[in-house]
Amino acid sequence: TNPHLCKVDSQILVNNILWLEAEIRELE
């Protein structure tokens, strides 16, 4: 939600979020 993130950093965060969500679903 940080408005100062550049597009590359935002995409890295999105990729990490998607990976974490998938990992959490697998563990659950």
mmCIF file of all heavy atoms, coordinates in Angstrom:
data_MODEL
# 
_entry.id   MODEL 
# 
loop_
_atom_site.group_PDB 
_atom_site.id 
_atom_site.type_symbol 
_atom_site.label_atom_id 
_atom_site.label_alt_id 
_atom_site.label_comp_id 
_atom_site.label_asym_id 
_atom_site.label_entity_id 
_atom_site.label_seq_id 
_atom_site.pdbx_PDB_ins_code 
_atom_site.Cartn_x 
_atom_site.Cartn_y 
_atom_site.Cartn_z 
_atom_site.occupancy 
_atom_site.B_iso_or_equiv 
_atom_site.pdbx_formal_charge 
_atom_site.auth_seq_id 
_atom_site.auth_comp_id 
_atom_site.auth_asym_id 
_atom_site.auth_atom_id 
_atom_site.pdbx_PDB_model_num 
ATOM 1   N N   . THR A 1 1  ? 0.813  -1.220  0.000   1.00 0.00 ? 1  THR A N   1 
ATOM 2   C CA  . THR A 1 1  ? 0.000  0.000   0.000   1.00 0.00 ? 1  THR A CA  1 
ATOM 3   C C   . THR A 1 1  ? 0.847  1.270   0.000   1.00 0.00 ? 1  THR A C   1 
ATOM 4   O O   . THR A 1 1  ? 0.311  2.365   -0.104  1.00 0.00 ? 1  THR A O   1 
ATOM 5   C CB  . THR A 1 1  ? -0.953 0.032   1.214   1.00 0.00 ? 1  THR A CB  1 
ATOM 6   O OG1 . THR A 1 1  ? -0.170 0.072   2.413   1.00 0.00 ? 1  THR A OG1 1 
ATOM 7   C CG2 . THR A 1 1  ? -1.878 -1.178  1.233   1.00 0.00 ? 1  THR A CG2 1 
ATOM 8   N N   . ASN A 1 2  ? 2.170  1.130   0.108   1.00 0.00 ? 2  ASN A N   1 
ATOM 9   C CA  . ASN A 1 2  ? 3.069  2.282   0.104   1.00 0.00 ? 2  ASN A CA  1 
ATOM 10  C C   . ASN A 1 2  ? 3.016  2.963   -1.269  1.00 0.00 ? 2  ASN A C   1 
ATOM 11  O O   . ASN A 1 2  ? 3.369  2.364   -2.279  1.00 0.00 ? 2  ASN A O   1 
ATOM 12  C CB  . ASN A 1 2  ? 4.494  1.824   0.415   1.00 0.00 ? 2  ASN A CB  1 
ATOM 13  C CG  . ASN A 1 2  ? 5.483  2.964   0.486   1.00 0.00 ? 2  ASN A CG  1 
ATOM 14  O OD1 . ASN A 1 2  ? 5.218  4.065   0.008   1.00 0.00 ? 2  ASN A OD1 1 
ATOM 15  N ND2 . ASN A 1 2  ? 6.618  2.709   1.076   1.00 0.00 ? 2  ASN A ND2 1 
ATOM 16  N N   . PRO A 1 3  ? 2.609  4.221   -1.323  1.00 0.00 ? 3  PRO A N   1 
ATOM 17  C CA  . PRO A 1 3  ? 2.470  4.899   -2.617  1.00 0.00 ? 3  PRO A CA  1 
ATOM 18  C C   . PRO A 1 3  ? 3.818  5.212   -3.287  1.00 0.00 ? 3  PRO A C   1 
ATOM 19  O O   . PRO A 1 3  ? 3.851  5.561   -4.462  1.00 0.00 ? 3  PRO A O   1 
ATOM 20  C CB  . PRO A 1 3  ? 1.723  6.187   -2.261  1.00 0.00 ? 3  PRO A CB  1 
ATOM 21  C CG  . PRO A 1 3  ? 2.017  6.418   -0.820  1.00 0.00 ? 3  PRO A CG  1 
ATOM 22  C CD  . PRO A 1 3  ? 2.199  5.055   -0.208  1.00 0.00 ? 3  PRO A CD  1 
ATOM 23  N N   . HIS A 1 4  ? 4.911  5.074   -2.576  1.00 0.00 ? 4  HIS A N   1 
ATOM 24  C CA  . HIS A 1 4  ? 6.227  5.419   -3.117  1.00 0.00 ? 4  HIS A CA  1 
ATOM 25  C C   . HIS A 1 4  ? 6.947  4.230   -3.747  1.00 0.00 ? 4  HIS A C   1 
ATOM 26  O O   . HIS A 1 4  ? 8.091  4.364   -4.166  1.00 0.00 ? 4  HIS A O   1 
ATOM 27  C CB  . HIS A 1 4  ? 7.093  6.039   -2.022  1.00 0.00 ? 4  HIS A CB  1 
ATOM 28  C CG  . HIS A 1 4  ? 6.471  7.248   -1.399  1.00 0.00 ? 4  HIS A CG  1 
ATOM 29  N ND1 . HIS A 1 4  ? 6.271  8.429   -2.084  1.00 0.00 ? 4  HIS A ND1 1 
ATOM 30  C CD2 . HIS A 1 4  ? 5.959  7.445   -0.165  1.00 0.00 ? 4  HIS A CD2 1 
ATOM 31  C CE1 . HIS A 1 4  ? 5.683  9.306   -1.295  1.00 0.00 ? 4  HIS A CE1 1 
ATOM 32  N NE2 . HIS A 1 4  ? 5.473  8.739   -0.127  1.00 0.00 ? 4  HIS A NE2 1 
ATOM 33  N N   . LEU A 1 5  ? 6.294  3.088   -3.817  1.00 0.00 ? 5  LEU A N   1 
ATOM 34  C CA  . LEU A 1 5  ? 6.921  1.917   -4.425  1.00 0.00 ? 5  LEU A CA  1 
ATOM 35  C C   . LEU A 1 5  ? 6.993  2.076   -5.935  1.00 0.00 ? 5  LEU A C   1 
ATOM 36  O O   . LEU A 1 5  ? 6.030  2.529   -6.569  1.00 0.00 ? 5  LEU A O   1 
ATOM 37  C CB  . LEU A 1 5  ? 6.117  0.650   -4.123  1.00 0.00 ? 5  LEU A CB  1 
ATOM 38  C CG  . LEU A 1 5  ? 6.277  0.007   -2.756  1.00 0.00 ? 5  LEU A CG  1 
ATOM 39  C CD1 . LEU A 1 5  ? 5.352  -1.197  -2.661  1.00 0.00 ? 5  LEU A CD1 1 
ATOM 40  C CD2 . LEU A 1 5  ? 7.699  -0.397  -2.493  1.00 0.00 ? 5  LEU A CD2 1 
ATOM 41  N N   . CYS A 1 6  ? 8.120  1.688   -6.500  1.00 0.00 ? 6  CYS A N   1 
ATOM 42  C CA  . CYS A 1 6  ? 8.208  1.696   -7.958  1.00 0.00 ? 6  CYS A CA  1 
ATOM 43  C C   . CYS A 1 6  ? 7.510  0.441   -8.497  1.00 0.00 ? 6  CYS A C   1 
ATOM 44  O O   . CYS A 1 6  ? 7.185  -0.484  -7.748  1.00 0.00 ? 6  CYS A O   1 
ATOM 45  C CB  . CYS A 1 6  ? 9.662  1.758   -8.424  1.00 0.00 ? 6  CYS A CB  1 
ATOM 46  S SG  . CYS A 1 6  ? 10.615 0.274   -8.100  1.00 0.00 ? 6  CYS A SG  1 
ATOM 47  N N   . LYS A 1 7  ? 7.288  0.395   -9.788  1.00 0.00 ? 7  LYS A N   1 
ATOM 48  C CA  . LYS A 1 7  ? 6.549  -0.711  -10.402 1.00 0.00 ? 7  LYS A CA  1 
ATOM 49  C C   . LYS A 1 7  ? 7.254  -2.047  -10.183 1.00 0.00 ? 7  LYS A C   1 
ATOM 50  O O   . LYS A 1 7  ? 6.618  -3.066  -9.902  1.00 0.00 ? 7  LYS A O   1 
ATOM 51  C CB  . LYS A 1 7  ? 6.372  -0.443  -11.896 1.00 0.00 ? 7  LYS A CB  1 
ATOM 52  C CG  . LYS A 1 7  ? 5.493  -1.460  -12.580 1.00 0.00 ? 7  LYS A CG  1 
ATOM 53  C CD  . LYS A 1 7  ? 5.218  -1.079  -14.011 1.00 0.00 ? 7  LYS A CD  1 
ATOM 54  C CE  . LYS A 1 7  ? 4.288  -2.106  -14.620 1.00 0.00 ? 7  LYS A CE  1 
ATOM 55  N NZ  . LYS A 1 7  ? 3.898  -1.746  -15.977 1.00 0.00 ? 7  LYS A NZ  1 
ATOM 56  N N   . VAL A 1 8  ? 8.584  -2.054  -10.277 1.00 0.00 ? 8  VAL A N   1 
ATOM 57  C CA  . VAL A 1 8  ? 9.353  -3.298  -10.097 1.00 0.00 ? 8  VAL A CA  1 
ATOM 58  C C   . VAL A 1 8  ? 9.201  -3.815  -8.669  1.00 0.00 ? 8  VAL A C   1 
ATOM 59  O O   . VAL A 1 8  ? 8.942  -4.999  -8.452  1.00 0.00 ? 8  VAL A O   1 
ATOM 60  C CB  . VAL A 1 8  ? 10.845 -3.084  -10.446 1.00 0.00 ? 8  VAL A CB  1 
ATOM 61  C CG1 . VAL A 1 8  ? 11.667 -4.316  -10.084 1.00 0.00 ? 8  VAL A CG1 1 
ATOM 62  C CG2 . VAL A 1 8  ? 11.001 -2.740  -11.911 1.00 0.00 ? 8  VAL A CG2 1 
ATOM 63  N N   . ASP A 1 9  ? 9.343  -2.931  -7.686  1.00 0.00 ? 9  ASP A N   1 
ATOM 64  C CA  . ASP A 1 9  ? 9.191  -3.342  -6.290  1.00 0.00 ? 9  ASP A CA  1 
ATOM 65  C C   . ASP A 1 9  ? 7.776  -3.850  -6.018  1.00 0.00 ? 9  ASP A C   1 
ATOM 66  O O   . ASP A 1 9  ? 7.583  -4.818  -5.289  1.00 0.00 ? 9  ASP A O   1 
ATOM 67  C CB  . ASP A 1 9  ? 9.519  -2.190  -5.340  1.00 0.00 ? 9  ASP A CB  1 
ATOM 68  C CG  . ASP A 1 9  ? 11.006 -1.859  -5.314  1.00 0.00 ? 9  ASP A CG  1 
ATOM 69  O OD1 . ASP A 1 9  ? 11.818 -2.723  -5.716  1.00 0.00 ? 9  ASP A OD1 1 
ATOM 70  O OD2 . ASP A 1 9  ? 11.352 -0.745  -4.891  1.00 0.00 ? 9  ASP A OD2 1 
ATOM 71  N N   . SER A 1 10 ? 6.793  -3.175  -6.598  1.00 0.00 ? 10 SER A N   1 
ATOM 72  C CA  . SER A 1 10 ? 5.407  -3.616  -6.424  1.00 0.00 ? 10 SER A CA  1 
ATOM 73  C C   . SER A 1 10 ? 5.213  -5.017  -6.989  1.00 0.00 ? 10 SER A C   1 
ATOM 74  O O   . SER A 1 10 ? 4.563  -5.862  -6.368  1.00 0.00 ? 10 SER A O   1 
ATOM 75  C CB  . SER A 1 10 ? 4.441  -2.655  -7.118  1.00 0.00 ? 10 SER A CB  1 
ATOM 76  O OG  . SER A 1 10 ? 4.452  -1.411  -6.490  1.00 0.00 ? 10 SER A OG  1 
ATOM 77  N N   . GLN A 1 11 ? 5.784  -5.277  -8.157  1.00 0.00 ? 11 GLN A N   1 
ATOM 78  C CA  . GLN A 1 11 ? 5.636  -6.595  -8.777  1.00 0.00 ? 11 GLN A CA  1 
ATOM 79  C C   . GLN A 1 11 ? 6.327  -7.671  -7.949  1.00 0.00 ? 11 GLN A C   1 
ATOM 80  O O   . GLN A 1 11 ? 5.811  -8.776  -7.803  1.00 0.00 ? 11 GLN A O   1 
ATOM 81  C CB  . GLN A 1 11 ? 6.188  -6.596  -10.209 1.00 0.00 ? 11 GLN A CB  1 
ATOM 82  C CG  . GLN A 1 11 ? 5.865  -7.866  -10.959 1.00 0.00 ? 11 GLN A CG  1 
ATOM 83  C CD  . GLN A 1 11 ? 4.368  -8.145  -11.035 1.00 0.00 ? 11 GLN A CD  1 
ATOM 84  O OE1 . GLN A 1 11 ? 3.591  -7.265  -11.393 1.00 0.00 ? 11 GLN A OE1 1 
ATOM 85  N NE2 . GLN A 1 11 ? 3.950  -9.341  -10.687 1.00 0.00 ? 11 GLN A NE2 1 
ATOM 86  N N   . ILE A 1 12 ? 7.477  -7.342  -7.382  1.00 0.00 ? 12 ILE A N   1 
ATOM 87  C CA  . ILE A 1 12 ? 8.179  -8.292  -6.509  1.00 0.00 ? 12 ILE A CA  1 
ATOM 88  C C   . ILE A 1 12 ? 7.316  -8.617  -5.300  1.00 0.00 ? 12 ILE A C   1 
ATOM 89  O O   . ILE A 1 12 ? 7.170  -9.780  -4.913  1.00 0.00 ? 12 ILE A O   1 
ATOM 90  C CB  . ILE A 1 12 ? 9.555  -7.736  -6.092  1.00 0.00 ? 12 ILE A CB  1 
ATOM 91  C CG1 . ILE A 1 12 ? 10.500 -7.706  -7.295  1.00 0.00 ? 12 ILE A CG1 1 
ATOM 92  C CG2 . ILE A 1 12 ? 10.160 -8.564  -4.957  1.00 0.00 ? 12 ILE A CG2 1 
ATOM 93  C CD1 . ILE A 1 12 ? 11.783 -6.943  -7.062  1.00 0.00 ? 12 ILE A CD1 1 
ATOM 94  N N   . LEU A 1 13 ? 6.724  -7.587  -4.701  1.00 0.00 ? 13 LEU A N   1 
ATOM 95  C CA  . LEU A 1 13 ? 5.838  -7.817  -3.554  1.00 0.00 ? 13 LEU A CA  1 
ATOM 96  C C   . LEU A 1 13 ? 4.631  -8.665  -3.946  1.00 0.00 ? 13 LEU A C   1 
ATOM 97  O O   . LEU A 1 13 ? 4.250  -9.581  -3.209  1.00 0.00 ? 13 LEU A O   1 
ATOM 98  C CB  . LEU A 1 13 ? 5.363  -6.484  -2.961  1.00 0.00 ? 13 LEU A CB  1 
ATOM 99  C CG  . LEU A 1 13 ? 6.326  -5.794  -2.007  1.00 0.00 ? 13 LEU A CG  1 
ATOM 100 C CD1 . LEU A 1 13 ? 5.799  -4.410  -1.648  1.00 0.00 ? 13 LEU A CD1 1 
ATOM 101 C CD2 . LEU A 1 13 ? 6.542  -6.619  -0.763  1.00 0.00 ? 13 LEU A CD2 1 
ATOM 102 N N   . VAL A 1 14 ? 4.027  -8.368  -5.088  1.00 0.00 ? 14 VAL A N   1 
ATOM 103 C CA  . VAL A 1 14 ? 2.872  -9.147  -5.547  1.00 0.00 ? 14 VAL A CA  1 
ATOM 104 C C   . VAL A 1 14 ? 3.264  -10.611 -5.738  1.00 0.00 ? 14 VAL A C   1 
ATOM 105 O O   . VAL A 1 14 ? 2.540  -11.516 -5.309  1.00 0.00 ? 14 VAL A O   1 
ATOM 106 C CB  . VAL A 1 14 ? 2.285  -8.560  -6.851  1.00 0.00 ? 14 VAL A CB  1 
ATOM 107 C CG1 . VAL A 1 14 ? 1.300  -9.522  -7.500  1.00 0.00 ? 14 VAL A CG1 1 
ATOM 108 C CG2 . VAL A 1 14 ? 1.623  -7.220  -6.572  1.00 0.00 ? 14 VAL A CG2 1 
ATOM 109 N N   . ASN A 1 15 ? 4.409  -10.851 -6.350  1.00 0.00 ? 15 ASN A N   1 
ATOM 110 C CA  . ASN A 1 15 ? 4.871  -12.231 -6.545  1.00 0.00 ? 15 ASN A CA  1 
ATOM 111 C C   . ASN A 1 15 ? 5.095  -12.931 -5.207  1.00 0.00 ? 15 ASN A C   1 
ATOM 112 O O   . ASN A 1 15 ? 4.733  -14.101 -5.037  1.00 0.00 ? 15 ASN A O   1 
ATOM 113 C CB  . ASN A 1 15 ? 6.151  -12.262 -7.379  1.00 0.00 ? 15 ASN A CB  1 
ATOM 114 C CG  . ASN A 1 15 ? 5.903  -11.900 -8.821  1.00 0.00 ? 15 ASN A CG  1 
ATOM 115 O OD1 . ASN A 1 15 ? 4.780  -11.966 -9.312  1.00 0.00 ? 15 ASN A OD1 1 
ATOM 116 N ND2 . ASN A 1 15 ? 6.953  -11.488 -9.516  1.00 0.00 ? 15 ASN A ND2 1 
ATOM 117 N N   . ASN A 1 16 ? 5.689  -12.221 -4.250  1.00 0.00 ? 16 ASN A N   1 
ATOM 118 C CA  . ASN A 1 16 ? 5.903  -12.804 -2.921  1.00 0.00 ? 16 ASN A CA  1 
ATOM 119 C C   . ASN A 1 16 ? 4.582  -13.081 -2.217  1.00 0.00 ? 16 ASN A C   1 
ATOM 120 O O   . ASN A 1 16 ? 4.427  -14.104 -1.540  1.00 0.00 ? 16 ASN A O   1 
ATOM 121 C CB  . ASN A 1 16 ? 6.781  -11.889 -2.065  1.00 0.00 ? 16 ASN A CB  1 
ATOM 122 C CG  . ASN A 1 16 ? 8.231  -11.947 -2.454  1.00 0.00 ? 16 ASN A CG  1 
ATOM 123 O OD1 . ASN A 1 16 ? 8.709  -12.964 -2.956  1.00 0.00 ? 16 ASN A OD1 1 
ATOM 124 N ND2 . ASN A 1 16 ? 8.946  -10.856 -2.248  1.00 0.00 ? 16 ASN A ND2 1 
ATOM 125 N N   . ILE A 1 17 ? 3.629  -12.171 -2.368  1.00 0.00 ? 17 ILE A N   1 
ATOM 126 C CA  . ILE A 1 17 ? 2.310  -12.365 -1.754  1.00 0.00 ? 17 ILE A CA  1 
ATOM 127 C C   . ILE A 1 17 ? 1.627  -13.597 -2.342  1.00 0.00 ? 17 ILE A C   1 
ATOM 128 O O   . ILE A 1 17 ? 1.086  -14.429 -1.605  1.00 0.00 ? 17 ILE A O   1 
ATOM 129 C CB  . ILE A 1 17 ? 1.440  -11.100 -1.935  1.00 0.00 ? 17 ILE A CB  1 
ATOM 130 C CG1 . ILE A 1 17 ? 1.962  -9.984  -1.020  1.00 0.00 ? 17 ILE A CG1 1 
ATOM 131 C CG2 . ILE A 1 17 ? -0.033 -11.384 -1.677  1.00 0.00 ? 17 ILE A CG2 1 
ATOM 132 C CD1 . ILE A 1 17 ? 1.372  -8.610  -1.307  1.00 0.00 ? 17 ILE A CD1 1 
ATOM 133 N N   . LEU A 1 18 ? 1.667  -13.729 -3.653  1.00 0.00 ? 18 LEU A N   1 
ATOM 134 C CA  . LEU A 1 18 ? 1.056  -14.899 -4.298  1.00 0.00 ? 18 LEU A CA  1 
ATOM 135 C C   . LEU A 1 18 ? 1.723  -16.191 -3.844  1.00 0.00 ? 18 LEU A C   1 
ATOM 136 O O   . LEU A 1 18 ? 1.047  -17.198 -3.584  1.00 0.00 ? 18 LEU A O   1 
ATOM 137 C CB  . LEU A 1 18 ? 1.128  -14.763 -5.821  1.00 0.00 ? 18 LEU A CB  1 
ATOM 138 C CG  . LEU A 1 18 ? 0.289  -13.643 -6.422  1.00 0.00 ? 18 LEU A CG  1 
ATOM 139 C CD1 . LEU A 1 18 ? 0.569  -13.500 -7.914  1.00 0.00 ? 18 LEU A CD1 1 
ATOM 140 C CD2 . LEU A 1 18 ? -1.190 -13.880 -6.157  1.00 0.00 ? 18 LEU A CD2 1 
ATOM 141 N N   . TRP A 1 19 ? 3.054  -16.175 -3.733  1.00 0.00 ? 19 TRP A N   1 
ATOM 142 C CA  . TRP A 1 19 ? 3.773  -17.367 -3.274  1.00 0.00 ? 19 TRP A CA  1 
ATOM 143 C C   . TRP A 1 19 ? 3.391  -17.703 -1.842  1.00 0.00 ? 19 TRP A C   1 
ATOM 144 O O   . TRP A 1 19 ? 3.133  -18.869 -1.519  1.00 0.00 ? 19 TRP A O   1 
ATOM 145 C CB  . TRP A 1 19 ? 5.289  -17.153 -3.377  1.00 0.00 ? 19 TRP A CB  1 
ATOM 146 C CG  . TRP A 1 19 ? 6.044  -18.327 -2.863  1.00 0.00 ? 19 TRP A CG  1 
ATOM 147 C CD1 . TRP A 1 19 ? 6.338  -19.469 -3.534  1.00 0.00 ? 19 TRP A CD1 1 
ATOM 148 C CD2 . TRP A 1 19 ? 6.554  -18.500 -1.539  1.00 0.00 ? 19 TRP A CD2 1 
ATOM 149 N NE1 . TRP A 1 19 ? 7.015  -20.342 -2.714  1.00 0.00 ? 19 TRP A NE1 1 
ATOM 150 C CE2 . TRP A 1 19 ? 7.164  -19.768 -1.478  1.00 0.00 ? 19 TRP A CE2 1 
ATOM 151 C CE3 . TRP A 1 19 ? 6.568  -17.699 -0.398  1.00 0.00 ? 19 TRP A CE3 1 
ATOM 152 C CZ2 . TRP A 1 19 ? 7.773  -20.254 -0.329  1.00 0.00 ? 19 TRP A CZ2 1 
ATOM 153 C CZ3 . TRP A 1 19 ? 7.174  -18.187 0.749   1.00 0.00 ? 19 TRP A CZ3 1 
ATOM 154 C CH2 . TRP A 1 19 ? 7.760  -19.442 0.773   1.00 0.00 ? 19 TRP A CH2 1 
ATOM 155 N N   . LEU A 1 20 ? 3.353  -16.681 -0.970  1.00 0.00 ? 20 LEU A N   1 
ATOM 156 C CA  . LEU A 1 20 ? 2.995  -16.923 0.431   1.00 0.00 ? 20 LEU A CA  1 
ATOM 157 C C   . LEU A 1 20 ? 1.576  -17.464 0.555   1.00 0.00 ? 20 LEU A C   1 
ATOM 158 O O   . LEU A 1 20 ? 1.329  -18.389 1.342   1.00 0.00 ? 20 LEU A O   1 
ATOM 159 C CB  . LEU A 1 20 ? 3.132  -15.633 1.248   1.00 0.00 ? 20 LEU A CB  1 
ATOM 160 C CG  . LEU A 1 20 ? 4.555  -15.228 1.614   1.00 0.00 ? 20 LEU A CG  1 
ATOM 161 C CD1 . LEU A 1 20 ? 4.571  -13.806 2.157   1.00 0.00 ? 20 LEU A CD1 1 
ATOM 162 C CD2 . LEU A 1 20 ? 5.144  -16.195 2.621   1.00 0.00 ? 20 LEU A CD2 1 
ATOM 163 N N   . GLU A 1 21 ? 0.651  -16.908 -0.210  1.00 0.00 ? 21 GLU A N   1 
ATOM 164 C CA  . GLU A 1 21 ? -0.735 -17.395 -0.156  1.00 0.00 ? 21 GLU A CA  1 
ATOM 165 C C   . GLU A 1 21 ? -0.809 -18.858 -0.581  1.00 0.00 ? 21 GLU A C   1 
ATOM 166 O O   . GLU A 1 21 ? -1.521 -19.653 0.051   1.00 0.00 ? 21 GLU A O   1 
ATOM 167 C CB  . GLU A 1 21 ? -1.632 -16.527 -1.029  1.00 0.00 ? 21 GLU A CB  1 
ATOM 168 C CG  . GLU A 1 21 ? -1.869 -15.155 -0.450  1.00 0.00 ? 21 GLU A CG  1 
ATOM 169 C CD  . GLU A 1 21 ? -2.628 -14.221 -1.372  1.00 0.00 ? 21 GLU A CD  1 
ATOM 170 O OE1 . GLU A 1 21 ? -2.634 -14.442 -2.610  1.00 0.00 ? 21 GLU A OE1 1 
ATOM 171 O OE2 . GLU A 1 21 ? -3.219 -13.248 -0.854  1.00 0.00 ? 21 GLU A OE2 1 
ATOM 172 N N   . ALA A 1 22 ? -0.074 -19.221 -1.619  1.00 0.00 ? 22 ALA A N   1 
ATOM 173 C CA  . ALA A 1 22 ? -0.071 -20.619 -2.081  1.00 0.00 ? 22 ALA A CA  1 
ATOM 174 C C   . ALA A 1 22 ? 0.563  -21.529 -1.034  1.00 0.00 ? 22 ALA A C   1 
ATOM 175 O O   . ALA A 1 22 ? 0.056  -22.629 -0.758  1.00 0.00 ? 22 ALA A O   1 
ATOM 176 C CB  . ALA A 1 22 ? 0.673  -20.732 -3.408  1.00 0.00 ? 22 ALA A CB  1 
ATOM 177 N N   . GLU A 1 23 ? 1.647  -21.081 -0.438  1.00 0.00 ? 23 GLU A N   1 
ATOM 178 C CA  . GLU A 1 23 ? 2.338  -21.880 0.585   1.00 0.00 ? 23 GLU A CA  1 
ATOM 179 C C   . GLU A 1 23 ? 1.441  -22.076 1.812   1.00 0.00 ? 23 GLU A C   1 
ATOM 180 O O   . GLU A 1 23 ? 1.366  -23.169 2.374   1.00 0.00 ? 23 GLU A O   1 
ATOM 181 C CB  . GLU A 1 23 ? 3.645  -21.181 0.984   1.00 0.00 ? 23 GLU A CB  1 
ATOM 182 C CG  . GLU A 1 23 ? 4.553  -22.005 1.848   1.00 0.00 ? 23 GLU A CG  1 
ATOM 183 C CD  . GLU A 1 23 ? 5.155  -23.214 1.151   1.00 0.00 ? 23 GLU A CD  1 
ATOM 184 O OE1 . GLU A 1 23 ? 5.229  -23.229 -0.089  1.00 0.00 ? 23 GLU A OE1 1 
ATOM 185 O OE2 . GLU A 1 23 ? 5.547  -24.159 1.865   1.00 0.00 ? 23 GLU A OE2 1 
ATOM 186 N N   . ILE A 1 24 ? 0.746  -21.027 2.212   1.00 0.00 ? 24 ILE A N   1 
ATOM 187 C CA  . ILE A 1 24 ? -0.164 -21.123 3.358   1.00 0.00 ? 24 ILE A CA  1 
ATOM 188 C C   . ILE A 1 24 ? -1.301 -22.097 3.052   1.00 0.00 ? 24 ILE A C   1 
ATOM 189 O O   . ILE A 1 24 ? -1.651 -22.929 3.901   1.00 0.00 ? 24 ILE A O   1 
ATOM 190 C CB  . ILE A 1 24 ? -0.705 -19.728 3.749   1.00 0.00 ? 24 ILE A CB  1 
ATOM 191 C CG1 . ILE A 1 24 ? 0.427  -18.886 4.367   1.00 0.00 ? 24 ILE A CG1 1 
ATOM 192 C CG2 . ILE A 1 24 ? -1.883 -19.842 4.714   1.00 0.00 ? 24 ILE A CG2 1 
ATOM 193 C CD1 . ILE A 1 24 ? 0.090  -17.409 4.518   1.00 0.00 ? 24 ILE A CD1 1 
ATOM 194 N N   . ARG A 1 25 ? -1.859 -22.019 1.841   1.00 0.00 ? 25 ARG A N   1 
ATOM 195 C CA  . ARG A 1 25 ? -2.932 -22.966 1.469   1.00 0.00 ? 25 ARG A CA  1 
ATOM 196 C C   . ARG A 1 25 ? -2.434 -24.410 1.535   1.00 0.00 ? 25 ARG A C   1 
ATOM 197 O O   . ARG A 1 25 ? -3.141 -25.300 2.004   1.00 0.00 ? 25 ARG A O   1 
ATOM 198 C CB  . ARG A 1 25 ? -3.469 -22.645 0.072   1.00 0.00 ? 25 ARG A CB  1 
ATOM 199 C CG  . ARG A 1 25 ? -4.449 -21.500 0.032   1.00 0.00 ? 25 ARG A CG  1 
ATOM 200 C CD  . ARG A 1 25 ? -5.165 -21.404 -1.306  1.00 0.00 ? 25 ARG A CD  1 
ATOM 201 N NE  . ARG A 1 25 ? -4.268 -21.302 -2.435  1.00 0.00 ? 25 ARG A NE  1 
ATOM 202 C CZ  . ARG A 1 25 ? -3.770 -20.166 -2.916  1.00 0.00 ? 25 ARG A CZ  1 
ATOM 203 N NH1 . ARG A 1 25 ? -4.083 -19.027 -2.349  1.00 0.00 ? 25 ARG A NH1 1 
ATOM 204 N NH2 . ARG A 1 25 ? -2.967 -20.170 -3.960  1.00 0.00 ? 25 ARG A NH2 1 
ATOM 205 N N   . GLU A 1 26 ? -1.223 -24.642 1.050   1.00 0.00 ? 26 GLU A N   1 
ATOM 206 C CA  . GLU A 1 26 ? -0.644 -25.993 1.075   1.00 0.00 ? 26 GLU A CA  1 
ATOM 207 C C   . GLU A 1 26 ? -0.463 -26.485 2.509   1.00 0.00 ? 26 GLU A C   1 
ATOM 208 O O   . GLU A 1 26 ? -0.808 -27.620 2.835   1.00 0.00 ? 26 GLU A O   1 
ATOM 209 C CB  . GLU A 1 26 ? 0.702  -25.994 0.340   1.00 0.00 ? 26 GLU A CB  1 
ATOM 210 C CG  . GLU A 1 26 ? 1.439  -27.305 0.400   1.00 0.00 ? 26 GLU A CG  1 
ATOM 211 C CD  . GLU A 1 26 ? 0.742  -28.441 -0.333  1.00 0.00 ? 26 GLU A CD  1 
ATOM 212 O OE1 . GLU A 1 26 ? -0.009 -28.177 -1.283  1.00 0.00 ? 26 GLU A OE1 1 
ATOM 213 O OE2 . GLU A 1 26 ? 0.954  -29.601 0.055   1.00 0.00 ? 26 GLU A OE2 1 
ATOM 214 N N   . LEU A 1 27 ? 0.071  -25.636 3.370   1.00 0.00 ? 27 LEU A N   1 
ATOM 215 C CA  . LEU A 1 27 ? 0.268  -26.019 4.768   1.00 0.00 ? 27 LEU A CA  1 
ATOM 216 C C   . LEU A 1 27 ? -1.070 -26.245 5.468   1.00 0.00 ? 27 LEU A C   1 
ATOM 217 O O   . LEU A 1 27 ? -1.210 -27.165 6.278   1.00 0.00 ? 27 LEU A O   1 
ATOM 218 C CB  . LEU A 1 27 ? 1.088  -24.960 5.504   1.00 0.00 ? 27 LEU A CB  1 
ATOM 219 C CG  . LEU A 1 27 ? 2.554  -24.864 5.091   1.00 0.00 ? 27 LEU A CG  1 
ATOM 220 C CD1 . LEU A 1 27 ? 3.207  -23.641 5.724   1.00 0.00 ? 27 LEU A CD1 1 
ATOM 221 C CD2 . LEU A 1 27 ? 3.312  -26.128 5.456   1.00 0.00 ? 27 LEU A CD2 1 
ATOM 222 N N   . GLU A 1 28 ? -2.059 -25.411 5.162   1.00 0.00 ? 28 GLU A N   1 
ATOM 223 C CA  . GLU A 1 28 ? -3.389 -25.598 5.753   1.00 0.00 ? 28 GLU A CA  1 
ATOM 224 C C   . GLU A 1 28 ? -4.002 -26.921 5.307   1.00 0.00 ? 28 GLU A C   1 
ATOM 225 O O   . GLU A 1 28 ? -4.661 -27.606 6.103   1.00 0.00 ? 28 GLU A O   1 
ATOM 226 C CB  . GLU A 1 28 ? -4.297 -24.423 5.397   1.00 0.00 ? 28 GLU A CB  1 
ATOM 227 C CG  . GLU A 1 28 ? -3.949 -23.153 6.123   1.00 0.00 ? 28 GLU A CG  1 
ATOM 228 C CD  . GLU A 1 28 ? -4.734 -21.936 5.653   1.00 0.00 ? 28 GLU A CD  1 
ATOM 229 O OE1 . GLU A 1 28 ? -5.230 -21.927 4.511   1.00 0.00 ? 28 GLU A OE1 1 
ATOM 230 O OE2 . GLU A 1 28 ? -4.838 -20.978 6.438   1.00 0.00 ? 28 GLU A OE2 1 
# 
